[in-house]
C-alpha atoms as a PDB file:
ATOM      1  CA  UNK A   1      -0.006   0.064  -0.015  1.00  0.00           C
ATOM      2  CA  UNK A   2       2.958   2.338   0.670  1.00  0.00           C
ATOM      3  CA  UNK A   3       4.507   1.949  -2.359  1.00  0.00           C
ATOM      4  CA  UNK A   4       1.346   2.444  -4.348  1.00  0.00           C
ATOM      5  CA  UNK A   5       0.422   6.144  -2.984  1.00  0.00           C
ATOM      6  CA  UNK A   6       4.249   6.574  -3.234  1.00  0.00           C
ATOM      7  CA  UNK A   7       4.135   5.873  -6.695  1.00  0.00           C
ATOM      8  CA  UNK A   8       0.990   7.268  -7.965  1.00  0.00           C
ATOM      9  CA  UNK A   9       1.166  10.867  -5.310  1.00  0.00           C
ATOM     10  CA  UNK A  10       1.102  12.892  -7.843  1.00  0.00           C
ATOM     11  CA  UNK A  11      -2.239  11.812  -9.348  1.00  0.00           C
ATOM     12  CA  UNK A  12      -3.823  11.496  -5.638  1.00  0.00           C
ATOM     13  CA  UNK A  13      -3.188  15.319  -5.389  1.00  0.00           C
ATOM     14  CA  UNK A  14      -4.362  16.013  -8.911  1.00  0.00           C
ATOM     15  CA  UNK A  15      -7.706  13.978  -8.113  1.00  0.00           C
ATOM     16  CA  UNK A  16      -8.266  15.190  -4.612  1.00  0.00           C
ATOM     17  CA  UNK A  17      -7.695  19.056  -6.127  1.00  0.00           C
ATOM     18  CA  UNK A  18     -10.155  18.342  -8.994  1.00  0.00           C
ATOM     19  CA  UNK A  19     -12.903  16.834  -6.309  1.00  0.00           C
ATOM     20  CA  UNK A  20     -12.318  19.699  -3.964  1.00  0.00           C
ATOM     21  CA  UNK A  21     -12.960  22.237  -6.890  1.00  0.00           C
ATOM     22  CA  UNK A  22     -16.157  19.956  -8.262  1.00  0.00           C
ATOM     23  CA  UNK A  23     -17.847  20.347  -4.991  1.00  0.00           C
ATOM     24  CA  UNK A  24     -17.212  24.168  -4.474  1.00  0.00           C
ATOM     25  CA  UNK A  25     -18.603  24.727  -7.973  1.00  0.00           C
ATOM     26  CA  UNK A  26     -21.418  22.475  -7.302  1.00  0.00           C
ATOM     27  CA  UNK A  27     -22.184  23.516  -3.536  1.00  0.00           C
ATOM     28  CA  UNK A  28     -22.036  27.693  -4.226  1.00  0.00           C
ATOM     29  CA  UNK A  29     -23.522  27.865  -7.875  1.00  0.00           C
ATOM     30  CA  UNK A  30     -24.216  31.527  -7.047  1.00  0.00           C
ATOM     31  CA  UNK A  31     -20.886  32.948  -6.380  1.00  0.00           C
ATOM     32  CA  UNK A  32     -20.300  35.575  -9.413  1.00  0.00           C
ATOM     33  CA  UNK A  33     -16.834  36.366 -11.197  1.00  0.00           C
ATOM     34  CA  UNK A  34     -14.535  38.675  -8.684  1.00  0.00           C
ATOM     35  CA  UNK A  35     -15.677  42.536 -10.132  1.00  0.00           C
ATOM     36  CA  UNK A  36     -18.592  41.884 -10.934  1.00  0.00           C
ATOM     37  CA  UNK A  37     -21.370  41.931  -8.186  1.00  0.00           C
ATOM     38  CA  UNK A  38     -24.745  41.444  -8.667  1.00  0.00           C
ATOM     39  CA  UNK A  39     -26.561  44.610 -10.051  1.00  0.00           C
ATOM     40  CA  UNK A  40     -28.605  46.272  -7.953  1.00  0.00           C
ATOM     41  CA  UNK A  41     -32.222  48.262  -8.192  1.00  0.00           C
ATOM     42  CA  UNK A  42     -32.455  51.961  -8.603  1.00  0.00           C
ATOM     43  CA  UNK A  43     -33.145  52.489  -4.942  1.00  0.00           C
ATOM     44  CA  UNK A  44     -30.734  49.377  -3.713  1.00  0.00           C
ATOM     45  CA  UNK A  45     -28.017  52.312  -5.926  1.00  0.00           C
ATOM     46  CA  UNK A  46     -29.477  54.980  -4.419  1.00  0.00           C
ATOM     47  CA  UNK A  47     -28.735  54.037  -1.204  1.00  0.00           C
ATOM     48  CA  UNK A  48     -25.370  52.478  -1.702  1.00  0.00           C
ATOM     49  CA  UNK A  49     -24.557  56.350  -3.147  1.00  0.00           C
ATOM     50  CA  UNK A  50     -25.386  57.901  -0.370  1.00  0.00           C
ATOM     51  CA  UNK A  51     -22.930  55.479   1.907  1.00  0.00           C
ATOM     52  CA  UNK A  52     -19.784  55.810  -0.819  1.00  0.00           C
ATOM     53  CA  UNK A  53     -20.465  59.104  -2.477  1.00  0.00           C
ATOM     54  CA  UNK A  54     -19.040  59.071  -5.890  1.00  0.00           C
ATOM     55  CA  UNK A  55     -17.907  62.798  -6.114  1.00  0.00           C
ATOM     56  CA  UNK A  56     -16.233  62.667  -9.655  1.00  0.00           C
ATOM     57  CA  UNK A  57     -16.905  60.368 -12.520  1.00  0.00           C
ATOM     58  CA  UNK A  58     -14.595  60.332 -15.652  1.00  0.00           C
ATOM     59  CA  UNK A  59     -15.235  58.264 -18.541  1.00  0.00           C
ATOM     60  CA  UNK A  60     -13.238  57.176 -22.215  1.00  0.00           C
ATOM     61  CA  UNK A  61     -15.496  57.204 -24.960  1.00  0.00           C
ATOM     62  CA  UNK A  62     -13.938  54.812 -26.928  1.00  0.00           C
ATOM     63  CA  UNK A  63     -15.473  52.958 -29.994  1.00  0.00           C
ATOM     64  CA  UNK A  64     -17.416  55.206 -32.318  1.00  0.00           C
ATOM     65  CA  UNK A  65     -15.378  54.457 -35.139  1.00  0.00           C
ATOM     66  CA  UNK A  66     -15.601  50.835 -34.486  1.00  0.00           C
ATOM     67  CA  UNK A  67     -18.799  50.767 -34.244  1.00  0.00           C
ATOM     68  CA  UNK A  68     -19.559  52.589 -37.215  1.00  0.00           C
ATOM     69  CA  UNK A  69     -17.471  49.888 -39.183  1.00  0.00           C
ATOM     70  CA  UNK A  70     -19.660  47.143 -37.743  1.00  0.00           C
ATOM     71  CA  UNK A  71     -22.098  48.841 -39.085  1.00  0.00           C
ATOM     72  CA  UNK A  72     -20.666  49.341 -42.607  1.00  0.00           C
ATOM     73  CA  UNK A  73     -21.070  53.385 -42.097  1.00  0.00           C
ATOM     74  CA  UNK A  74     -18.012  55.565 -42.335  1.00  0.00           C
ATOM     75  CA  UNK A  75     -15.470  55.068 -39.401  1.00  0.00           C
ATOM     76  CA  UNK A  76     -16.089  58.862 -38.524  1.00  0.00           C
ATOM     77  CA  UNK A  77     -19.705  58.420 -38.809  1.00  0.00           C
ATOM     78  CA  UNK A  78     -20.028  56.734 -35.144  1.00  0.00           C
ATOM     79  CA  UNK A  79     -19.327  60.178 -33.482  1.00  0.00           C
ATOM     80  CA  UNK A  80     -22.937  61.091 -34.307  1.00  0.00           C
ATOM     81  CA  UNK A  81     -24.486  58.252 -33.217  1.00  0.00           C
ATOM     82  CA  UNK A  82     -21.892  58.617 -29.919  1.00  0.00           C
ATOM     83  CA  UNK A  83     -23.654  61.773 -28.845  1.00  0.00           C
ATOM     84  CA  UNK A  84     -26.718  59.773 -27.187  1.00  0.00           C
ATOM     85  CA  UNK A  85     -24.978  57.781 -25.214  1.00  0.00           C
ATOM     86  CA  UNK A  86     -23.349  61.246 -24.000  1.00  0.00           C
ATOM     87  CA  UNK A  87     -26.880  62.616 -22.590  1.00  0.00           C
ATOM     88  CA  UNK A  88     -28.130  59.598 -21.021  1.00  0.00           C
ATOM     89  CA  UNK A  89     -24.413  59.682 -18.856  1.00  0.00           C
ATOM     90  CA  UNK A  90     -25.578  63.384 -18.221  1.00  0.00           C
ATOM     91  CA  UNK A  91     -28.780  62.337 -17.270  1.00  0.00           C
ATOM     92  CA  UNK A  92     -27.666  59.253 -14.986  1.00  0.00           C
ATOM     93  CA  UNK A  93     -25.561  61.691 -13.084  1.00  0.00           C
ATOM     94  CA  UNK A  94     -27.967  64.759 -12.334  1.00  0.00           C
ATOM     95  CA  UNK A  95     -30.191  61.705 -11.231  1.00  0.00           C
ATOM     96  CA  UNK A  96     -27.463  59.950  -8.502  1.00  0.00           C
ATOM     97  CA  UNK A  97     -26.616  63.372  -7.494  1.00  0.00           C
ATOM     98  CA  UNK A  98     -22.887  62.698  -9.287  1.00  0.00           C
ATOM     99  CA  UNK A  99     -21.494  66.590  -8.802  1.00  0.00           C
ATOM    100  CA  UNK A 100     -18.777  66.180 -11.611  1.00  0.00           C
ATOM    101  CA  UNK A 101     -18.619  64.614 -14.605  1.00  0.00           C
ATOM    102  CA  UNK A 102     -15.320  64.381 -17.264  1.00  0.00           C
ATOM    103  CA  UNK A 103     -15.529  63.098 -20.921  1.00  0.00           C
ATOM    104  CA  UNK A 104     -12.552  62.352 -22.696  1.00  0.00           C
ATOM    105  CA  UNK A 105     -13.888  64.373 -26.129  1.00  0.00           C
ATOM    106  CA  UNK A 106     -10.720  64.565 -28.493  1.00  0.00           C
ATOM    107  CA  UNK A 107      -7.348  64.139 -27.626  1.00  0.00           C
ATOM    108  CA  UNK A 108      -3.743  66.083 -29.145  1.00  0.00           C
ATOM    109  CA  UNK A 109      -3.326  62.780 -30.829  1.00  0.00           C
ATOM    110  CA  UNK A 110      -6.391  62.671 -32.697  1.00  0.00           C
ATOM    111  CA  UNK A 111      -5.322  65.311 -34.738  1.00  0.00           C
ATOM    112  CA  UNK A 112      -3.398  62.656 -36.575  1.00  0.00           C
ATOM    113  CA  UNK A 113      -6.688  61.383 -37.846  1.00  0.00           C
ATOM    114  CA  UNK A 114      -8.188  61.893 -41.715  1.00  0.00           C
ATOM    115  CA  UNK A 115      -9.165  65.748 -42.179  1.00  0.00           C
ATOM    116  CA  UNK A 116     -12.476  64.528 -43.593  1.00  0.00           C
ATOM    117  CA  UNK A 117     -13.105  62.947 -39.970  1.00  0.00           C
ATOM    118  CA  UNK A 118     -11.816  66.110 -38.060  1.00  0.00           C
ATOM    119  CA  UNK A 119     -13.743  67.921 -39.801  1.00  0.00           C
ATOM    120  CA  UNK A 120     -16.993  65.908 -39.684  1.00  0.00           C
ATOM    121  CA  UNK A 121     -16.237  65.785 -35.830  1.00  0.00           C
ATOM    122  CA  UNK A 122     -16.052  69.497 -35.200  1.00  0.00           C
ATOM    123  CA  UNK A 123     -19.261  70.127 -37.029  1.00  0.00           C
ATOM    124  CA  UNK A 124     -21.262  67.612 -34.957  1.00  0.00           C
ATOM    125  CA  UNK A 125     -19.782  69.135 -31.770  1.00  0.00           C
ATOM    126  CA  UNK A 126     -20.399  72.610 -33.114  1.00  0.00           C
ATOM    127  CA  UNK A 127     -24.097  71.579 -34.267  1.00  0.00           C
ATOM    128  CA  UNK A 128     -24.852  69.671 -30.566  1.00  0.00           C
ATOM    129  CA  UNK A 129     -23.675  72.607 -28.603  1.00  0.00           C
ATOM    130  CA  UNK A 130     -26.254  75.003 -30.510  1.00  0.00           C
ATOM    131  CA  UNK A 131     -29.070  72.338 -30.671  1.00  0.00           C
ATOM    132  CA  UNK A 132     -32.284  72.609 -28.370  1.00  0.00           C
ATOM    133  CA  UNK A 133     -31.489  69.808 -26.599  1.00  0.00           C
ATOM    134  CA  UNK A 134     -27.844  70.917 -25.823  1.00  0.00           C
ATOM    135  CA  UNK A 135     -30.373  74.360 -24.481  1.00  0.00           C
ATOM    136  CA  UNK A 136     -32.465  71.576 -22.271  1.00  0.00           C
ATOM    137  CA  UNK A 137     -29.269  70.319 -20.380  1.00  0.00           C
ATOM    138  CA  UNK A 138     -27.744  73.974 -19.526  1.00  0.00           C
ATOM    139  CA  UNK A 139     -31.412  74.415 -18.235  1.00  0.00           C
ATOM    140  CA  UNK A 140     -30.710  71.921 -15.608  1.00  0.00           C
ATOM    141  CA  UNK A 141     -28.278  73.425 -14.470  1.00  0.00           C
ATOM    142  CA  UNK A 142     -25.079  72.152 -16.099  1.00  0.00           C
ATOM    143  CA  UNK A 143     -21.900  74.090 -15.886  1.00  0.00           C
ATOM    144  CA  UNK A 144     -20.434  73.205 -19.006  1.00  0.00           C
ATOM    145  CA  UNK A 145     -15.922  73.877 -19.362  1.00  0.00           C
ATOM    146  CA  UNK A 146     -13.876  72.440 -22.047  1.00  0.00           C
ATOM    147  CA  UNK A 147     -10.448  71.638 -21.000  1.00  0.00           C
ATOM    148  CA  UNK A 148      -7.234  71.240 -23.171  1.00  0.00           C
ATOM    149  CA  UNK A 149      -4.803  73.255 -24.926  1.00  0.00           C
ATOM    150  CA  UNK A 150      -6.735  76.138 -26.355  1.00  0.00           C
ATOM    151  CA  UNK A 151      -4.443  77.215 -28.556  1.00  0.00           C
ATOM    152  CA  UNK A 152      -5.178  74.052 -30.783  1.00  0.00           C
ATOM    153  CA  UNK A 153      -9.466  74.829 -30.745  1.00  0.00           C
ATOM    154  CA  UNK A 154     -10.308  74.911 -34.262  1.00  0.00           C
ATOM    155  CA  UNK A 155     -11.055  78.437 -34.832  1.00  0.00           C
ATOM    156  CA  UNK A 156     -15.028  77.829 -35.988  1.00  0.00           C
ATOM    157  CA  UNK A 157     -15.135  76.562 -32.458  1.00  0.00           C
ATOM    158  CA  UNK A 158     -13.520  79.038 -30.346  1.00  0.00           C
ATOM    159  CA  UNK A 159     -16.176  81.545 -29.943  1.00  0.00           C
ATOM    160  CA  UNK A 160     -19.268  78.790 -29.642  1.00  0.00           C
ATOM    161  CA  UNK A 161     -17.077  77.305 -26.741  1.00  0.00           C
ATOM    162  CA  UNK A 162     -16.184  80.664 -24.932  1.00  0.00           C
ATOM    163  CA  UNK A 163     -20.613  81.682 -25.066  1.00  0.00           C
ATOM    164  CA  UNK A 164     -21.387  78.367 -23.725  1.00  0.00           C
ATOM    165  CA  UNK A 165     -19.025  78.546 -20.827  1.00  0.00           C
ATOM    166  CA  UNK A 166     -20.191  81.927 -20.227  1.00  0.00           C
ATOM    167  CA  UNK A 167     -23.901  81.237 -20.248  1.00  0.00           C
ATOM    168  CA  UNK A 168     -23.547  78.042 -17.743  1.00  0.00           C
ATOM    169  CA  UNK A 169     -20.804  79.495 -15.679  1.00  0.00           C
ATOM    170  CA  UNK A 170     -23.273  79.897 -13.102  1.00  0.00           C
ATOM    171  CA  UNK A 171     -24.975  76.729 -12.473  1.00  0.00           C
ATOM    172  CA  UNK A 172     -24.531  73.890  -9.968  1.00  0.00           C
ATOM    173  CA  UNK A 173     -26.129  71.286  -9.999  1.00  0.00           C
ATOM    174  CA  UNK A 174     -23.414  69.017 -12.300  1.00  0.00           C
ATOM    175  CA  UNK A 175     -19.779  69.839 -13.494  1.00  0.00           C
ATOM    176  CA  UNK A 176     -19.203  68.690 -17.123  1.00  0.00           C
ATOM    177  CA  UNK A 177     -15.631  69.121 -17.741  1.00  0.00           C
ATOM    178  CA  UNK A 178     -14.936  68.172 -21.784  1.00  0.00           C
ATOM    179  CA  UNK A 179     -11.210  67.314 -22.554  1.00  0.00           C
ATOM    180  CA  UNK A 180     -11.212  68.858 -26.029  1.00  0.00           C
ATOM    181  CA  UNK A 181      -7.454  68.637 -27.318  1.00  0.00           C
ATOM    182  CA  UNK A 182      -6.293  67.337 -24.482  1.00  0.00           C
ATOM    183  CA  UNK A 183      -3.171  64.761 -23.571  1.00  0.00           C
ATOM    184  CA  UNK A 184      -1.918  64.348 -19.854  1.00  0.00           C
ATOM    185  CA  UNK A 185       1.601  64.277 -21.228  1.00  0.00           C
ATOM    186  CA  UNK A 186       1.468  67.569 -22.759  1.00  0.00           C
ATOM    187  CA  UNK A 187      -0.330  68.766 -20.270  1.00  0.00           C
ATOM    188  CA  UNK A 188       2.323  68.241 -17.630  1.00  0.00           C
ATOM    189  CA  UNK A 189       4.818  69.673 -20.104  1.00  0.00           C
ATOM    190  CA  UNK A 190       2.919  72.429 -20.534  1.00  0.00           C
ATOM    191  CA  UNK A 191       2.813  73.138 -16.676  1.00  0.00           C
ATOM    192  CA  UNK A 192       6.027  73.005 -15.897  1.00  0.00           C
ATOM    193  CA  UNK A 193       7.147  75.403 -19.046  1.00  0.00           C
ATOM    194  CA  UNK A 194       4.914  77.813 -17.462  1.00  0.00           C
ATOM    195  CA  UNK A 195       6.332  77.074 -13.739  1.00  0.00           C
ATOM    196  CA  UNK A 196      10.120  77.346 -15.269  1.00  0.00           C
ATOM    197  CA  UNK A 197       9.520  80.415 -16.651  1.00  0.00           C
ATOM    198  CA  UNK A 198       7.693  82.257 -13.837  1.00  0.00           C
ATOM    199  CA  UNK A 199       9.911  80.594 -11.076  1.00  0.00           C
ATOM    200  CA  UNK A 200      12.377  83.152 -11.449  1.00  0.00           C
ATOM    201  CA  UNK A 201      13.747  82.660  -7.829  1.00  0.00           C
ATOM    202  CA  UNK A 202      15.048  79.359  -8.139  1.00  0.00           C
ATOM    203  CA  UNK A 203      12.363  77.967  -5.345  1.00  0.00           C
ATOM    204  CA  UNK A 204      11.846  73.847  -5.948  1.00  0.00           C
ATOM    205  CA  UNK A 205       8.604  73.342  -7.725  1.00  0.00           C
ATOM    206  CA  UNK A 206       6.159  71.864  -5.233  1.00  0.00           C
ATOM    207  CA  UNK A 207       3.275  69.544  -5.802  1.00  0.00           C
ATOM    208  CA  UNK A 208       1.300  72.532  -5.582  1.00  0.00           C
ATOM    209  CA  UNK A 209       2.485  74.371  -7.919  1.00  0.00           C
ATOM    210  CA  UNK A 210       2.335  72.116 -10.506  1.00  0.00           C
ATOM    211  CA  UNK A 211      -1.271  71.274  -9.871  1.00  0.00           C
ATOM    212  CA  UNK A 212      -1.865  75.003  -9.910  1.00  0.00           C
ATOM    213  CA  UNK A 213      -0.500  75.338 -13.427  1.00  0.00           C
ATOM    214  CA  UNK A 214      -2.383  72.171 -15.167  1.00  0.00           C
ATOM    215  CA  UNK A 215      -5.155  72.917 -17.818  1.00  0.00           C
ATOM    216  CA  UNK A 216      -7.047  70.731 -15.356  1.00  0.00           C
ATOM    217  CA  UNK A 217      -6.018  72.809 -12.627  1.00  0.00           C
ATOM    218  CA  UNK A 218      -9.307  73.033 -10.159  1.00  0.00           C
ATOM    219  CA  UNK A 219     -10.480  69.477 -11.040  1.00  0.00           C
ATOM    220  CA  UNK A 220     -10.606  66.851  -7.943  1.00  0.00           C
ATOM    221  CA  UNK A 221      -9.416  63.474  -8.669  1.00  0.00           C
ATOM    222  CA  UNK A 222     -11.515  61.055 -10.153  1.00  0.00           C
ATOM    223  CA  UNK A 223     -12.991  58.219  -7.995  1.00  0.00           C
ATOM    224  CA  UNK A 224     -13.992  56.339 -10.933  1.00  0.00           C
ATOM    225  CA  UNK A 225     -12.630  55.773 -14.693  1.00  0.00           C
ATOM    226  CA  UNK A 226     -15.596  54.233 -17.193  1.00  0.00           C
ATOM    227  CA  UNK A 227     -13.900  52.925 -20.602  1.00  0.00           C
ATOM    228  CA  UNK A 228     -15.615  51.688 -23.483  1.00  0.00           C
ATOM    229  CA  UNK A 229     -14.269  49.707 -26.061  1.00  0.00           C
ATOM    230  CA  UNK A 230     -12.772  46.846 -24.840  1.00  0.00           C
ATOM    231  CA  UNK A 231      -9.212  48.508 -24.421  1.00  0.00           C
ATOM    232  CA  UNK A 232      -7.802  48.307 -20.767  1.00  0.00           C
ATOM    233  CA  UNK A 233      -5.890  51.719 -20.615  1.00  0.00           C
ATOM    234  CA  UNK A 234      -6.277  55.229 -19.591  1.00  0.00           C
ATOM    235  CA  UNK A 235      -4.846  56.629 -22.969  1.00  0.00           C
ATOM    236  CA  UNK A 236      -3.368  60.249 -21.658  1.00  0.00           C
ATOM    237  CA  UNK A 237      -6.542  60.683 -19.378  1.00  0.00           C
ATOM    238  CA  UNK A 238      -5.829  63.165 -16.652  1.00  0.00           C
ATOM    239  CA  UNK A 239      -2.612  61.452 -15.087  1.00  0.00           C
ATOM    240  CA  UNK A 240      -2.763  63.439 -11.825  1.00  0.00           C
ATOM    241  CA  UNK A 241      -6.824  63.652 -10.957  1.00  0.00           C
ATOM    242  CA  UNK A 242      -6.359  59.432 -11.869  1.00  0.00           C
ATOM    243  CA  UNK A 243      -3.630  58.333  -9.804  1.00  0.00           C
ATOM    244  CA  UNK A 244      -5.870  57.118  -6.770  1.00  0.00           C
ATOM    245  CA  UNK A 245      -9.105  56.023  -9.387  1.00  0.00           C
ATOM    246  CA  UNK A 246     -10.687  52.869  -9.419  1.00  0.00           C
ATOM    247  CA  UNK A 247     -11.309  51.733 -13.110  1.00  0.00           C
ATOM    248  CA  UNK A 248     -14.004  49.704 -15.099  1.00  0.00           C
ATOM    249  CA  UNK A 249     -14.003  48.772 -18.568  1.00  0.00           C
ATOM    250  CA  UNK A 250     -16.937  47.919 -20.850  1.00  0.00           C
ATOM    251  CA  UNK A 251     -16.301  45.024 -24.039  1.00  0.00           C
ATOM    252  CA  UNK A 252     -19.132  47.575 -25.691  1.00  0.00           C
ATOM    253  CA  UNK A 253     -18.471  50.535 -28.060  1.00  0.00           C
ATOM    254  CA  UNK A 254     -19.290  53.727 -26.828  1.00  0.00           C
ATOM    255  CA  UNK A 255     -22.499  54.107 -29.083  1.00  0.00           C
ATOM    256  CA  UNK A 256     -23.760  50.816 -27.422  1.00  0.00           C
ATOM    257  CA  UNK A 257     -23.619  51.728 -24.009  1.00  0.00           C
ATOM    258  CA  UNK A 258     -26.465  52.077 -21.609  1.00  0.00           C
ATOM    259  CA  UNK A 259     -27.992  52.998 -18.013  1.00  0.00           C
ATOM    260  CA  UNK A 260     -27.410  49.244 -17.501  1.00  0.00           C
ATOM    261  CA  UNK A 261     -23.471  49.309 -18.269  1.00  0.00           C
ATOM    262  CA  UNK A 262     -23.779  52.450 -15.909  1.00  0.00           C
ATOM    263  CA  UNK A 263     -25.099  50.928 -13.073  1.00  0.00           C
ATOM    264  CA  UNK A 264     -23.234  47.933 -13.099  1.00  0.00           C
ATOM    265  CA  UNK A 265     -20.391  50.435 -13.379  1.00  0.00           C
ATOM    266  CA  UNK A 266     -21.160  52.423 -10.276  1.00  0.00           C
ATOM    267  CA  UNK A 267     -22.447  49.276  -8.289  1.00  0.00           C
ATOM    268  CA  UNK A 268     -18.418  48.147  -8.824  1.00  0.00           C
ATOM    269  CA  UNK A 269     -17.568  51.232  -7.540  1.00  0.00           C
ATOM    270  CA  UNK A 270     -19.877  51.221  -4.258  1.00  0.00           C
ATOM    271  CA  UNK A 271     -18.213  47.492  -3.621  1.00  0.00           C
ATOM    272  CA  UNK A 272     -14.244  48.786  -3.981  1.00  0.00           C
ATOM    273  CA  UNK A 273     -12.125  49.064  -1.222  1.00  0.00           C
ATOM    274  CA  UNK A 274     -10.008  52.588  -1.813  1.00  0.00           C
ATOM    275  CA  UNK A 275      -7.144  52.154   0.544  1.00  0.00           C
ATOM    276  CA  UNK A 276      -4.852  55.384  -1.018  1.00  0.00           C
ATOM    277  CA  UNK A 277      -1.938  54.238  -0.090  1.00  0.00           C
ATOM    278  CA  UNK A 278      -2.341  53.351   3.565  1.00  0.00           C
END
């Protein structure tokens, strides 16, 4: 008998592990994958957010072009379809009392795209800002701010952006930040360049100095970042404010985003444990 166990020890161990795993899954079929808690009802989610407020939501809106190609459209036509989920997210934040929302609209790297796509995208943005629906959003108390390298803003949008920011500057129900002509690394370079130019006394540059010189200087830390499109990276999104953000990645393309996706992401956030390095 001892010889049998000695010669078959590996097979016995493997068989035991298999049996234990099989017993585990049979006895606990309701167990859900890590990071995917059961979706809460609307009242339950409201209650969770009262216990663990979400003060700043950031979204990387990825997948417009891939959605359009999937539908057989020209790639840039996805930008038009991508306007609908933007409105849904704004409505969601207002309903759940999320005070700050930052959307990644257009990066400095996006200027490498075809001119036809860029022209279409800027036209869509201009049309949406001037639309009745956008005016209704502002009437709900939404303050709108564009953050990025303003020297790169398309000339046809400068006056529209300025008017929108001015009209909504006193609104307090939701702060909507649109990252436009933005790049996190470029923002840091610009901030350091500014500080070097004004720090004539050779005093050390502090973290407080750096933050104050950013394009996004007064943005609070981002609590949760949602990215659609299946990719799991930040793509130059607010490197300073995202230092301790919770991350939630969705496989769906941005035009496919639904309220259910948002609820699942917020629910995952309320289940997270945030240590901030402690």
